[in-house]
């Protein structure tokens, strides 16, 4: 039990429709996915450049129920912790509060 509902990966992203396998006629999901794929590829290159292994943390492209591109970051807890530390350092260590 994780303490979160079954839909937790989709909370706030509006991807429940696409994630559930329901497709709406006339919505171009592929175009949104292509845009997301470009952004995910860019982020993955940046992760590799920062010394991360894509088997540990990576960006994954998808599209939401409206066909808009969505990029999720998925990874092992230790790698995500390292990524968070790197981002906190870039943000000045205040978690972006400033």
Protein backbone atom coordinates (compact mmCIF):
# COMPACT_ATOMS: atom_id res chain seq x y z
CA UNK A 1 0.00 0.00 0.00
CA UNK A 2 1.52 3.32 -1.04
CA UNK A 3 -1.00 5.57 0.66
CA UNK A 4 -2.12 7.06 -2.64
CA UNK A 5 -4.97 6.22 -4.95
CA UNK A 6 -4.72 4.16 -8.08
CA UNK A 7 -4.66 7.28 -10.25
CA UNK A 8 -1.74 8.97 -8.43
CA UNK A 9 0.59 9.14 -11.47
CA UNK A 10 -2.03 11.20 -13.26
CA UNK A 11 -3.06 13.59 -10.45
CA UNK A 12 -3.03 17.16 -11.71
CA UNK A 13 -1.88 16.25 -15.20
CA UNK A 14 -5.24 15.60 -16.80
CA UNK A 15 -4.04 12.32 -18.30
CA UNK A 16 -6.64 9.97 -16.82
CA UNK A 17 -8.55 9.63 -20.10
CA UNK A 18 -5.49 8.80 -22.15
CA UNK A 19 -4.04 6.62 -19.41
CA UNK A 20 -7.22 4.62 -19.13
CA UNK A 21 -7.09 3.70 -22.80
CA UNK A 22 -10.10 5.81 -23.78
CA UNK A 23 -9.49 7.69 -26.99
CA UNK A 24 -11.71 10.50 -28.22
CA UNK A 25 -12.44 10.54 -31.92
CA UNK A 26 -10.91 13.55 -33.64
CA UNK A 27 -8.25 14.24 -31.02
CA UNK A 28 -4.72 14.12 -32.40
CA UNK A 29 -2.90 12.32 -29.61
CA UNK A 30 0.11 11.57 -31.82
CA UNK A 31 0.96 15.24 -32.41
CA UNK A 32 0.94 15.91 -28.67
CA UNK A 33 3.06 12.83 -28.09
CA UNK A 34 5.56 13.95 -30.74
CA UNK A 35 5.95 17.33 -29.05
CA UNK A 36 6.33 15.62 -25.70
CA UNK A 37 8.85 13.20 -27.19
CA UNK A 38 11.04 16.11 -28.33
CA UNK A 39 10.91 17.65 -24.85
CA UNK A 40 11.55 14.28 -23.18
CA UNK A 41 14.52 13.63 -25.48
CA UNK A 42 15.96 17.04 -24.59
CA UNK A 43 15.53 16.39 -20.88
CA UNK A 44 17.03 12.91 -21.23
CA UNK A 45 20.09 14.37 -22.97
CA UNK A 46 20.44 16.86 -20.11
CA UNK A 47 20.13 14.05 -17.56
CA UNK A 48 22.84 12.08 -19.36
CA UNK A 49 25.04 15.18 -19.46
CA UNK A 50 24.59 15.59 -15.71
CA UNK A 51 25.82 12.05 -15.12
CA UNK A 52 22.53 10.20 -14.70
CA UNK A 53 21.80 6.82 -16.24
CA UNK A 54 18.48 6.64 -18.06
CA UNK A 55 17.89 3.27 -16.44
CA UNK A 56 17.80 5.15 -13.10
CA UNK A 57 15.87 8.32 -14.03
CA UNK A 58 14.37 9.42 -17.32
CA UNK A 59 11.73 11.55 -18.99
CA UNK A 60 8.82 9.72 -20.59
CA UNK A 61 6.56 11.22 -23.26
CA UNK A 62 2.80 10.76 -23.46
CA UNK A 63 -0.29 12.80 -24.24
CA UNK A 64 -3.25 13.76 -22.10
CA UNK A 65 -6.92 13.24 -22.85
CA UNK A 66 -7.02 16.48 -24.85
CA UNK A 67 -4.08 15.46 -27.03
CA UNK A 68 -1.58 17.82 -25.38
CA UNK A 69 1.91 16.50 -24.82
CA UNK A 70 2.88 15.48 -21.29
CA UNK A 71 6.36 14.59 -20.02
CA UNK A 72 6.75 12.63 -16.80
CA UNK A 73 9.99 12.08 -14.93
CA UNK A 74 10.25 8.54 -13.60
CA UNK A 75 13.05 6.94 -11.69
CA UNK A 76 14.52 5.10 -8.78
CA UNK A 77 14.27 6.87 -5.46
CA UNK A 78 17.99 7.41 -5.03
CA UNK A 79 18.37 8.89 -8.52
CA UNK A 80 15.33 11.12 -8.09
CA UNK A 81 16.80 12.28 -4.78
CA UNK A 82 20.07 13.14 -6.54
CA UNK A 83 18.14 15.02 -9.23
CA UNK A 84 16.18 16.93 -6.59
CA UNK A 85 19.45 17.86 -4.88
CA UNK A 86 20.89 19.12 -8.15
CA UNK A 87 17.79 21.21 -8.85
CA UNK A 88 17.78 22.57 -5.29
CA UNK A 89 21.41 23.61 -5.70
CA UNK A 90 20.60 25.41 -8.94
CA UNK A 91 17.65 27.12 -7.21
CA UNK A 92 19.92 28.30 -4.39
CA UNK A 93 18.91 25.57 -1.94
CA UNK A 94 15.64 27.19 -0.95
CA UNK A 95 13.37 24.86 -2.92
CA UNK A 96 12.39 27.67 -5.27
CA UNK A 97 10.80 29.70 -2.46
CA UNK A 98 12.53 32.93 -3.46
